[in-house]
Amino acid sequence: MYGTLYWTVYWMDREGAGEMREVPEVPELTREQPARGLAGRVPFQVVEVTGPSMVPTLHHGDWLLVQYGAPVRPGDVVILRHPFQQDLLIVKRAAERRRGGWWVLADNSFAGGDSTDYGTVPDEFVLARVRARYRPLKKDQRSLWSVVTWAVSALRPVSAARSVSRRLRAR
């Protein structure tokens, strides 16, 4: 039901072989505290999306490039802590600014799990802004045409101005 995220960091050794490690703690930036640990050194991080709540903008298995501490504007896709389960990270669209925080919505209205369920999300729960989406090549995409279409659309910026879901939500 929720768009859960797995935080993964990639390290490259001198021979160019990549090693993937999961980050045990999710770095959190607030204006009151200076950044420490991974978030203090690297303002960008790569995360993986699970769940259908942001379809058609994001799909299960997509990789996101997120930026900590970036200013959030209405329409931006953001990473936030779930208001009732702070250890659960979710991805939603910041719809509008309200007293007490942000009103966030899922692009897939049938998936639920947004501010219509839990209300306004406090500012300190909004951790990062999504900058780009990478959609990995699927194992069944073997034909030349499917590989070419994948290559054209695999890496896209995620911004409020380019959202297809904005048109779908208008009622």
N, C-alpha and C. Protein backbone atom coordinates (compact mmCIF):
# COMPACT_ATOMS: atom_id res chain seq x y z
N MET A 1 0.81 -1.18 0.00
CA MET A 1 0.00 0.00 0.00
C MET A 1 0.87 1.26 0.00
N TYR A 2 1.98 1.25 0.69
CA TYR A 2 2.86 2.41 0.75
C TYR A 2 4.02 2.22 -0.20
N GLY A 3 4.53 3.32 -0.72
CA GLY A 3 5.72 3.28 -1.56
C GLY A 3 6.94 3.24 -0.65
N THR A 4 7.37 2.08 -0.26
CA THR A 4 8.50 1.92 0.65
C THR A 4 9.80 2.06 -0.12
N LEU A 5 10.84 2.56 0.55
CA LEU A 5 12.12 2.78 -0.09
C LEU A 5 13.20 1.99 0.60
N TYR A 6 14.13 1.47 -0.18
CA TYR A 6 15.32 0.83 0.36
C TYR A 6 16.49 1.75 0.06
N TRP A 7 17.23 2.13 1.08
CA TRP A 7 18.36 3.03 0.92
C TRP A 7 19.59 2.20 0.62
N THR A 8 20.23 2.48 -0.49
CA THR A 8 21.39 1.73 -0.91
C THR A 8 22.46 2.70 -1.37
N VAL A 9 23.68 2.42 -1.00
CA VAL A 9 24.81 3.26 -1.40
C VAL A 9 25.78 2.39 -2.17
N TYR A 10 26.36 2.92 -3.24
CA TYR A 10 27.31 2.19 -4.05
C TYR A 10 28.72 2.72 -3.82
N TRP A 11 29.66 1.81 -3.61
CA TRP A 11 31.07 2.17 -3.50
C TRP A 11 31.80 1.51 -4.65
N MET A 12 32.74 2.20 -5.22
CA MET A 12 33.55 1.63 -6.29
C MET A 12 34.99 1.49 -5.79
N ASP A 13 35.57 0.31 -6.00
CA ASP A 13 36.97 0.15 -5.61
C ASP A 13 37.87 0.58 -6.78
N ARG A 14 39.17 0.51 -6.61
CA ARG A 14 40.10 1.03 -7.62
C ARG A 14 40.05 0.26 -8.93
N GLU A 15 39.65 -1.00 -8.89
CA GLU A 15 39.56 -1.78 -10.12
C GLU A 15 38.25 -1.53 -10.86
N GLY A 16 37.34 -0.75 -10.28
CA GLY A 16 36.08 -0.43 -10.93
C GLY A 16 34.96 -1.39 -10.59
N ALA A 17 35.21 -2.34 -9.70
CA ALA A 17 34.15 -3.27 -9.31
C ALA A 17 33.28 -2.60 -8.27
N GLY A 18 31.99 -2.60 -8.48
CA GLY A 18 31.06 -1.96 -7.56
C GLY A 18 30.61 -2.91 -6.46
N GLU A 19 30.41 -2.37 -5.30
CA GLU A 19 29.92 -3.15 -4.18
C GLU A 19 28.70 -2.42 -3.62
N MET A 20 27.62 -3.15 -3.34
CA MET A 20 26.40 -2.53 -2.85
C MET A 20 26.24 -2.87 -1.38
N ARG A 21 25.98 -1.85 -0.57
CA ARG A 21 25.74 -2.04 0.86
C ARG A 21 24.50 -1.27 1.24
N GLU A 22 23.68 -1.85 2.11
CA GLU A 22 22.52 -1.13 2.60
C GLU A 22 22.95 -0.26 3.77
N VAL A 23 22.39 0.93 3.83
CA VAL A 23 22.71 1.86 4.89
C VAL A 23 21.88 1.48 6.12
N PRO A 24 22.52 1.24 7.28
CA PRO A 24 21.76 0.80 8.44
C PRO A 24 20.85 1.87 9.01
N GLU A 25 21.24 3.12 8.95
CA GLU A 25 20.40 4.20 9.45
C GLU A 25 20.13 5.17 8.33
N VAL A 26 18.93 5.69 8.29
CA VAL A 26 18.58 6.66 7.28
C VAL A 26 19.01 8.02 7.78
N PRO A 27 19.89 8.72 7.05
CA PRO A 27 20.30 10.03 7.49
C PRO A 27 19.14 11.01 7.45
N GLU A 28 19.10 11.90 8.42
CA GLU A 28 18.03 12.86 8.51
C GLU A 28 18.62 14.24 8.64
N LEU A 29 18.16 15.16 7.83
CA LEU A 29 18.62 16.54 7.90
C LEU A 29 17.52 17.41 8.45
N THR A 30 17.84 18.22 9.41
CA THR A 30 16.92 19.23 9.89
C THR A 30 17.66 20.54 9.92
N ARG A 31 16.93 21.62 9.93
CA ARG A 31 17.57 22.93 9.95
C ARG A 31 18.22 23.22 11.30
N GLU A 32 17.76 22.58 12.35
CA GLU A 32 18.29 22.83 13.68
C GLU A 32 19.63 22.15 13.91
N GLN A 33 19.86 20.99 13.28
CA GLN A 33 21.07 20.22 13.52
C GLN A 33 21.93 20.20 12.26
N PRO A 34 23.25 20.31 12.41
CA PRO A 34 24.10 20.14 11.24
C PRO A 34 24.10 18.68 10.81
N ALA A 35 24.31 18.44 9.54
CA ALA A 35 24.30 17.08 9.00
C ALA A 35 25.52 16.31 9.51
N ARG A 36 25.29 15.04 9.85
CA ARG A 36 26.37 14.16 10.29
C ARG A 36 26.32 12.89 9.46
N GLY A 37 27.42 12.18 9.47
CA GLY A 37 27.47 10.88 8.79
C GLY A 37 27.39 11.02 7.29
N LEU A 38 26.70 10.07 6.66
CA LEU A 38 26.60 10.00 5.20
C LEU A 38 25.90 11.23 4.62
N ALA A 39 24.84 11.70 5.27
CA ALA A 39 24.10 12.84 4.74
C ALA A 39 24.92 14.11 4.79
N GLY A 40 25.85 14.22 5.74
CA GLY A 40 26.70 15.39 5.81
C GLY A 40 27.73 15.42 4.70
N ARG A 41 28.17 14.26 4.24
CA ARG A 41 29.19 14.19 3.18
C ARG A 41 28.57 14.17 1.79
N VAL A 42 27.45 13.53 1.64
CA VAL A 42 26.85 13.33 0.33
C VAL A 42 25.40 13.82 0.36
N PRO A 43 25.11 14.95 -0.30
CA PRO A 43 23.73 15.43 -0.29
C PRO A 43 22.81 14.63 -1.22
N PHE A 44 23.38 13.81 -2.11
CA PHE A 44 22.59 12.99 -3.02
C PHE A 44 22.71 11.53 -2.62
N GLN A 45 21.64 10.77 -2.85
CA GLN A 45 21.66 9.34 -2.56
C GLN A 45 20.72 8.63 -3.53
N VAL A 46 20.98 7.36 -3.78
CA VAL A 46 20.16 6.55 -4.67
C VAL A 46 19.28 5.64 -3.83
N VAL A 47 17.99 5.60 -4.15
CA VAL A 47 17.03 4.75 -3.43
C VAL A 47 16.21 3.97 -4.44
N GLU A 48 15.63 2.86 -3.99
CA GLU A 48 14.79 2.02 -4.85
C GLU A 48 13.35 2.10 -4.38
N VAL A 49 12.43 2.17 -5.32
CA VAL A 49 11.01 2.27 -5.01
C VAL A 49 10.39 0.88 -4.97
N THR A 50 9.55 0.64 -3.96
CA THR A 50 8.72 -0.57 -3.95
C THR A 50 7.28 -0.14 -3.71
N GLY A 51 6.37 -0.77 -4.38
CA GLY A 51 4.96 -0.45 -4.21
C GLY A 51 4.39 0.38 -5.34
N PRO A 52 3.04 0.39 -5.47
CA PRO A 52 2.39 1.03 -6.60
C PRO A 52 1.83 2.43 -6.33
N SER A 53 2.13 3.05 -5.21
CA SER A 53 1.43 4.29 -4.84
C SER A 53 1.75 5.48 -5.74
N MET A 54 2.86 5.47 -6.47
CA MET A 54 3.22 6.62 -7.30
C MET A 54 3.11 6.33 -8.80
N VAL A 55 2.45 5.25 -9.18
CA VAL A 55 2.20 4.95 -10.60
C VAL A 55 1.26 6.03 -11.13
N PRO A 56 1.45 6.64 -12.25
CA PRO A 56 2.33 6.32 -13.37
C PRO A 56 3.69 7.02 -13.32
N THR A 57 3.92 7.91 -12.37
CA THR A 57 5.20 8.62 -12.33
C THR A 57 6.35 7.69 -11.98
N LEU A 58 6.19 6.88 -10.94
CA LEU A 58 7.21 5.94 -10.49
C LEU A 58 6.62 4.55 -10.44
N HIS A 59 7.41 3.56 -10.79
CA HIS A 59 6.97 2.17 -10.77
C HIS A 59 7.81 1.37 -9.78
N HIS A 60 7.29 0.23 -9.38
CA HIS A 60 8.02 -0.68 -8.51
C HIS A 60 9.34 -1.06 -9.19
N GLY A 61 10.45 -0.92 -8.48
CA GLY A 61 11.76 -1.24 -9.03
C GLY A 61 12.52 -0.06 -9.58
N ASP A 62 11.88 1.11 -9.70
CA ASP A 62 12.59 2.30 -10.19
C ASP A 62 13.63 2.73 -9.16
N TRP A 63 14.70 3.33 -9.65
CA TRP A 63 15.74 3.90 -8.80
C TRP A 63 15.62 5.41 -8.85
N LEU A 64 15.75 6.05 -7.69
CA LEU A 64 15.61 7.50 -7.60
C LEU A 64 16.89 8.14 -7.12
N LEU A 65 17.23 9.28 -7.69
CA LEU A 65 18.31 10.10 -7.18
C LEU A 65 17.64 11.17 -6.33
N VAL A 66 17.92 11.18 -5.02
CA VAL A 66 17.29 12.12 -4.11
C VAL A 66 18.32 13.08 -3.54
N GLN A 67 17.87 14.29 -3.21
CA GLN A 67 18.75 15.31 -2.66
C GLN A 67 18.22 15.73 -1.30
N TYR A 68 19.08 15.60 -0.30
CA TYR A 68 18.73 16.03 1.05
C TYR A 68 18.80 17.55 1.16
N GLY A 69 17.90 18.12 1.93
CA GLY A 69 17.95 19.54 2.22
C GLY A 69 17.53 20.45 1.09
N ALA A 70 17.06 19.90 -0.01
CA ALA A 70 16.61 20.72 -1.14
C ALA A 70 15.28 21.36 -0.78
N PRO A 71 15.06 22.59 -1.21
CA PRO A 71 13.77 23.22 -0.92
C PRO A 71 12.64 22.48 -1.64
N VAL A 72 11.53 22.32 -0.95
CA VAL A 72 10.38 21.60 -1.49
C VAL A 72 9.35 22.62 -1.95
N ARG A 73 8.83 22.40 -3.15
CA ARG A 73 7.78 23.25 -3.70
C ARG A 73 6.56 22.39 -3.97
N PRO A 74 5.39 22.99 -4.02
CA PRO A 74 4.20 22.21 -4.36
C PRO A 74 4.37 21.51 -5.71
N GLY A 75 4.06 20.24 -5.74
CA GLY A 75 4.20 19.43 -6.95
C GLY A 75 5.43 18.56 -6.97
N ASP A 76 6.39 18.82 -6.08
CA ASP A 76 7.62 18.02 -6.04
C ASP A 76 7.35 16.63 -5.47
N VAL A 77 8.10 15.64 -5.95
CA VAL A 77 8.08 14.30 -5.38
C VAL A 77 9.12 14.28 -4.27
N VAL A 78 8.71 13.84 -3.07
CA VAL A 78 9.58 13.91 -1.90
C VAL A 78 9.65 12.56 -1.20
N ILE A 79 10.73 12.40 -0.42
CA ILE A 79 10.91 11.25 0.45
C ILE A 79 10.61 11.73 1.86
N LEU A 80 9.77 11.00 2.57
CA LEU A 80 9.40 11.41 3.92
C LEU A 80 9.22 10.22 4.83
N ARG A 81 9.25 10.50 6.12
CA ARG A 81 8.94 9.48 7.11
C ARG A 81 7.43 9.37 7.24
N HIS A 82 6.95 8.14 7.37
CA HIS A 82 5.52 7.93 7.57
C HIS A 82 5.14 8.54 8.93
N PRO A 83 4.07 9.32 9.00
CA PRO A 83 3.72 9.97 10.25
C PRO A 83 3.42 9.02 11.42
N PHE A 84 2.94 7.82 11.13
CA PHE A 84 2.61 6.88 12.21
C PHE A 84 3.70 5.84 12.45
N GLN A 85 4.54 5.60 11.47
CA GLN A 85 5.66 4.65 11.58
C GLN A 85 6.91 5.36 11.11
N GLN A 86 7.61 6.02 12.02
CA GLN A 86 8.75 6.84 11.62
C GLN A 86 9.90 6.04 11.02
N ASP A 87 9.95 4.73 11.24
CA ASP A 87 11.01 3.93 10.62
C ASP A 87 10.70 3.56 9.17
N LEU A 88 9.49 3.86 8.70
CA LEU A 88 9.07 3.57 7.33
C LEU A 88 9.22 4.83 6.48
N LEU A 89 10.00 4.73 5.41
CA LEU A 89 10.16 5.85 4.48
C LEU A 89 9.24 5.65 3.30
N ILE A 90 8.60 6.73 2.88
CA ILE A 90 7.66 6.66 1.77
C ILE A 90 7.97 7.76 0.77
N VAL A 91 7.49 7.58 -0.44
CA VAL A 91 7.65 8.58 -1.49
C VAL A 91 6.25 9.05 -1.89
N LYS A 92 6.07 10.37 -1.87
CA LYS A 92 4.78 10.97 -2.22
C LYS A 92 5.02 12.29 -2.92
N ARG A 93 3.95 12.89 -3.43
CA ARG A 93 4.03 14.20 -4.06
C ARG A 93 3.54 15.24 -3.07
N ALA A 94 4.35 16.28 -2.85
CA ALA A 94 3.98 17.38 -1.96
C ALA A 94 2.96 18.24 -2.72
N ALA A 95 1.70 18.13 -2.33
CA ALA A 95 0.63 18.80 -3.07
C ALA A 95 0.53 20.28 -2.71
N GLU A 96 0.51 20.58 -1.42
CA GLU A 96 0.41 21.98 -1.02
C GLU A 96 0.90 22.17 0.39
N ARG A 97 1.25 23.42 0.67
CA ARG A 97 1.72 23.80 2.00
C ARG A 97 0.51 24.14 2.84
N ARG A 98 0.44 23.56 4.02
CA ARG A 98 -0.64 23.87 4.95
C ARG A 98 -0.05 24.21 6.31
N ARG A 99 -0.89 24.72 7.18
CA ARG A 99 -0.42 25.03 8.52
C ARG A 99 0.02 23.74 9.19
N GLY A 100 1.25 23.71 9.63
CA GLY A 100 1.76 22.52 10.30
C GLY A 100 2.57 21.59 9.41
N GLY A 101 2.68 21.87 8.12
CA GLY A 101 3.49 21.00 7.26
C GLY A 101 3.00 20.92 5.83
N TRP A 102 3.16 19.73 5.26
CA TRP A 102 2.84 19.49 3.85
C TRP A 102 1.66 18.54 3.72
N TRP A 103 0.81 18.80 2.76
CA TRP A 103 -0.25 17.88 2.36
C TRP A 103 0.34 17.07 1.21
N VAL A 104 0.52 15.75 1.41
CA VAL A 104 1.15 14.90 0.40
C VAL A 104 0.13 13.93 -0.17
N LEU A 105 0.27 13.64 -1.46
CA LEU A 105 -0.66 12.74 -2.15
C LEU A 105 0.10 11.70 -2.95
N ALA A 106 -0.51 10.53 -3.07
CA ALA A 106 0.01 9.49 -3.96
C ALA A 106 -0.50 9.79 -5.36
N ASP A 107 0.31 9.54 -6.38
CA ASP A 107 -0.15 9.74 -7.76
C ASP A 107 -1.20 8.71 -8.13
N ASN A 108 -1.14 7.54 -7.52
CA ASN A 108 -2.13 6.49 -7.74
C ASN A 108 -3.17 6.60 -6.63
N SER A 109 -4.30 7.21 -6.92
CA SER A 109 -5.31 7.46 -5.88
C SER A 109 -5.92 6.17 -5.33
N PHE A 110 -5.81 5.07 -6.06
CA PHE A 110 -6.36 3.80 -5.57
C PHE A 110 -5.45 3.12 -4.56
N ALA A 111 -4.16 3.49 -4.52
CA ALA A 111 -3.22 2.87 -3.59
C ALA A 111 -3.37 3.40 -2.17
N GLY A 112 -3.81 4.64 -2.02
CA GLY A 112 -3.98 5.22 -0.69
C GLY A 112 -2.66 5.48 0.00
N GLY A 113 -2.72 5.68 1.32
CA GLY A 113 -1.52 5.90 2.11
C GLY A 113 -0.93 7.28 1.93
N ASP A 114 -1.78 8.30 1.90
CA ASP A 114 -1.28 9.66 1.78
C ASP A 114 -1.97 10.55 2.81
N SER A 115 -1.94 11.85 2.62
CA SER A 115 -2.50 12.77 3.62
C SER A 115 -4.00 12.64 3.78
N THR A 116 -4.68 12.02 2.83
CA THR A 116 -6.11 11.78 3.03
C THR A 116 -6.33 10.76 4.14
N ASP A 117 -5.30 9.95 4.45
CA ASP A 117 -5.38 8.98 5.55
C ASP A 117 -4.82 9.54 6.85
N TYR A 118 -3.70 10.28 6.80
CA TYR A 118 -3.04 10.69 8.03
C TYR A 118 -2.87 12.19 8.19
N GLY A 119 -3.42 12.99 7.33
CA GLY A 119 -3.39 14.44 7.51
C GLY A 119 -2.08 15.08 7.08
N THR A 120 -1.87 16.29 7.57
CA THR A 120 -0.68 17.06 7.21
C THR A 120 0.57 16.43 7.79
N VAL A 121 1.64 16.39 7.00
CA VAL A 121 2.92 15.82 7.42
C VAL A 121 3.82 16.96 7.90
N PRO A 122 4.34 16.88 9.13
CA PRO A 122 5.22 17.95 9.63
C PRO A 122 6.47 18.11 8.75
N ASP A 123 7.00 19.34 8.73
CA ASP A 123 8.17 19.65 7.92
C ASP A 123 9.36 18.76 8.23
N GLU A 124 9.56 18.43 9.50
CA GLU A 124 10.74 17.64 9.87
C GLU A 124 10.67 16.20 9.36
N PHE A 125 9.51 15.74 8.90
CA PHE A 125 9.40 14.40 8.35
C PHE A 125 9.77 14.35 6.87
N VAL A 126 9.79 15.49 6.20
CA VAL A 126 10.17 15.55 4.79
C VAL A 126 11.70 15.56 4.74
N LEU A 127 12.30 14.48 4.21
CA LEU A 127 13.74 14.31 4.25
C LEU A 127 14.46 14.76 2.99
N ALA A 128 13.90 14.47 1.82
CA ALA A 128 14.64 14.72 0.58
C ALA A 128 13.66 14.97 -0.56
N ARG A 129 14.21 15.54 -1.62
CA ARG A 129 13.45 15.81 -2.84
C ARG A 129 13.99 14.92 -3.95
N VAL A 130 13.11 14.32 -4.72
CA VAL A 130 13.52 13.44 -5.82
C VAL A 130 13.92 14.30 -7.01
N ARG A 131 15.12 14.03 -7.54
CA ARG A 131 15.63 14.79 -8.67
C ARG A 131 15.52 14.04 -9.99
N ALA A 132 15.76 12.70 -9.98
CA ALA A 132 15.73 11.93 -11.23
C ALA A 132 15.26 10.51 -10.95
N ARG A 133 14.75 9.89 -12.01
CA ARG A 133 14.27 8.50 -11.94
C ARG A 133 15.00 7.68 -12.99
N TYR A 134 15.47 6.50 -12.57
CA TYR A 134 16.10 5.54 -13.49
C TYR A 134 15.28 4.27 -13.46
N ARG A 135 14.81 3.83 -14.61
CA ARG A 135 14.02 2.61 -14.70
C ARG A 135 14.91 1.52 -15.28
N PRO A 136 15.30 0.51 -14.47
CA PRO A 136 16.21 -0.54 -14.96
C PRO A 136 15.60 -1.36 -16.09
N LEU A 137 16.47 -1.93 -16.91
CA LEU A 137 16.06 -2.81 -18.00
C LEU A 137 15.52 -4.11 -17.40
N LYS A 138 14.35 -4.53 -17.85
CA LYS A 138 13.74 -5.77 -17.36
C LYS A 138 14.34 -6.96 -18.09
N LYS A 139 14.29 -8.12 -17.45
CA LYS A 139 14.90 -9.32 -18.03
C LYS A 139 14.22 -9.75 -19.33
N ASP A 140 12.92 -9.47 -19.48
CA ASP A 140 12.22 -9.88 -20.69
C ASP A 140 12.33 -8.87 -21.83
N GLN A 141 13.04 -7.77 -21.63
CA GLN A 141 13.24 -6.78 -22.69
C GLN A 141 14.48 -7.16 -23.50
N ARG A 142 14.30 -8.00 -24.50
CA ARG A 142 15.44 -8.50 -25.27
C ARG A 142 15.42 -8.08 -26.72
N SER A 143 14.27 -7.72 -27.24
CA SER A 143 14.23 -7.33 -28.64
C SER A 143 14.90 -5.98 -28.84
N LEU A 144 15.34 -5.73 -30.04
CA LEU A 144 16.02 -4.48 -30.34
C LEU A 144 15.10 -3.29 -30.06
N TRP A 145 13.85 -3.39 -30.46
CA TRP A 145 12.90 -2.29 -30.25
C TRP A 145 12.69 -2.00 -28.77
N SER A 146 12.54 -3.03 -27.95
CA SER A 146 12.31 -2.79 -26.52
C SER A 146 13.55 -2.20 -25.85
N VAL A 147 14.74 -2.59 -26.28
CA VAL A 147 15.96 -2.03 -25.71
C VAL A 147 16.12 -0.57 -26.13
N VAL A 148 15.79 -0.24 -27.37
CA VAL A 148 15.88 1.14 -27.84
C VAL A 148 14.88 2.02 -27.09
N THR A 149 13.65 1.57 -26.94
CA THR A 149 12.66 2.38 -26.22
C THR A 149 13.04 2.52 -24.75
N TRP A 150 13.62 1.48 -24.17
CA TRP A 150 14.10 1.59 -22.79
C TRP A 150 15.21 2.63 -22.69
N ALA A 151 16.16 2.60 -23.62
CA ALA A 151 17.29 3.52 -23.57
C ALA A 151 16.84 4.97 -23.66
N VAL A 152 15.78 5.23 -24.43
CA VAL A 152 15.28 6.59 -24.58
C VAL A 152 14.61 7.08 -23.31
N SER A 153 13.94 6.18 -22.57
CA SER A 153 13.15 6.61 -21.42
C SER A 153 13.69 6.15 -20.07
N ALA A 154 14.85 5.54 -20.01
CA ALA A 154 15.34 4.97 -18.74
C ALA A 154 15.66 6.01 -17.69
N LEU A 155 16.25 7.12 -18.08
CA LEU A 155 16.65 8.15 -17.13
C LEU A 155 15.87 9.42 -17.41
N ARG A 156 15.08 9.86 -16.44
CA ARG A 156 14.27 11.06 -16.60
C ARG A 156 14.34 11.92 -15.34
N PRO A 157 14.33 13.24 -15.50
CA PRO A 157 14.21 14.09 -14.32
C PRO A 157 12.79 14.00 -13.78
N VAL A 158 12.64 14.14 -12.48
CA VAL A 158 11.33 14.12 -11.85
C VAL A 158 11.08 15.53 -11.32
N SER A 159 10.13 16.22 -11.90
CA SER A 159 9.83 17.58 -11.46
C SER A 159 8.33 17.80 -11.50
N ALA A 160 7.89 18.85 -10.85
CA ALA A 160 6.47 19.16 -10.81
C ALA A 160 5.94 19.53 -12.19
N ALA A 161 6.75 20.16 -13.01
CA ALA A 161 6.31 20.62 -14.32
C ALA A 161 6.11 19.46 -15.30
N ARG A 162 6.82 18.34 -15.11
CA ARG A 162 6.76 17.23 -16.06
C ARG A 162 5.83 16.12 -15.63
N SER A 163 5.01 16.34 -14.63
CA SER A 163 4.20 15.26 -14.08
C SER A 163 2.99 14.96 -14.96
N VAL A 164 2.90 13.71 -15.36
CA VAL A 164 1.73 13.25 -16.08
C VAL A 164 0.57 13.09 -15.11
N SER A 165 0.89 12.72 -13.88
CA SER A 165 -0.14 12.42 -12.90
C SER A 165 -0.94 13.65 -12.52
N ARG A 166 -0.41 14.86 -12.73
CA ARG A 166 -1.16 16.07 -12.41
C ARG A 166 -2.42 16.13 -13.27
N ARG A 167 -2.31 15.72 -14.52
CA ARG A 167 -3.48 15.72 -15.41
C ARG A 167 -4.47 14.63 -15.00
N LEU A 168 -3.97 13.50 -14.53
CA LEU A 168 -4.83 12.40 -14.17
C LEU A 168 -5.64 12.69 -12.91
N ARG A 169 -5.12 13.55 -12.04
CA ARG A 169 -5.79 13.81 -10.77
C ARG A 169 -6.86 14.87 -10.89
N ALA A 170 -6.86 15.66 -11.95
CA ALA A 170 -7.84 16.73 -12.10
C ALA A 170 -9.22 16.11 -12.24
N ARG A 171 -10.16 16.56 -11.41
CA ARG A 171 -11.52 16.01 -11.47
C ARG A 171 -12.53 17.11 -11.55
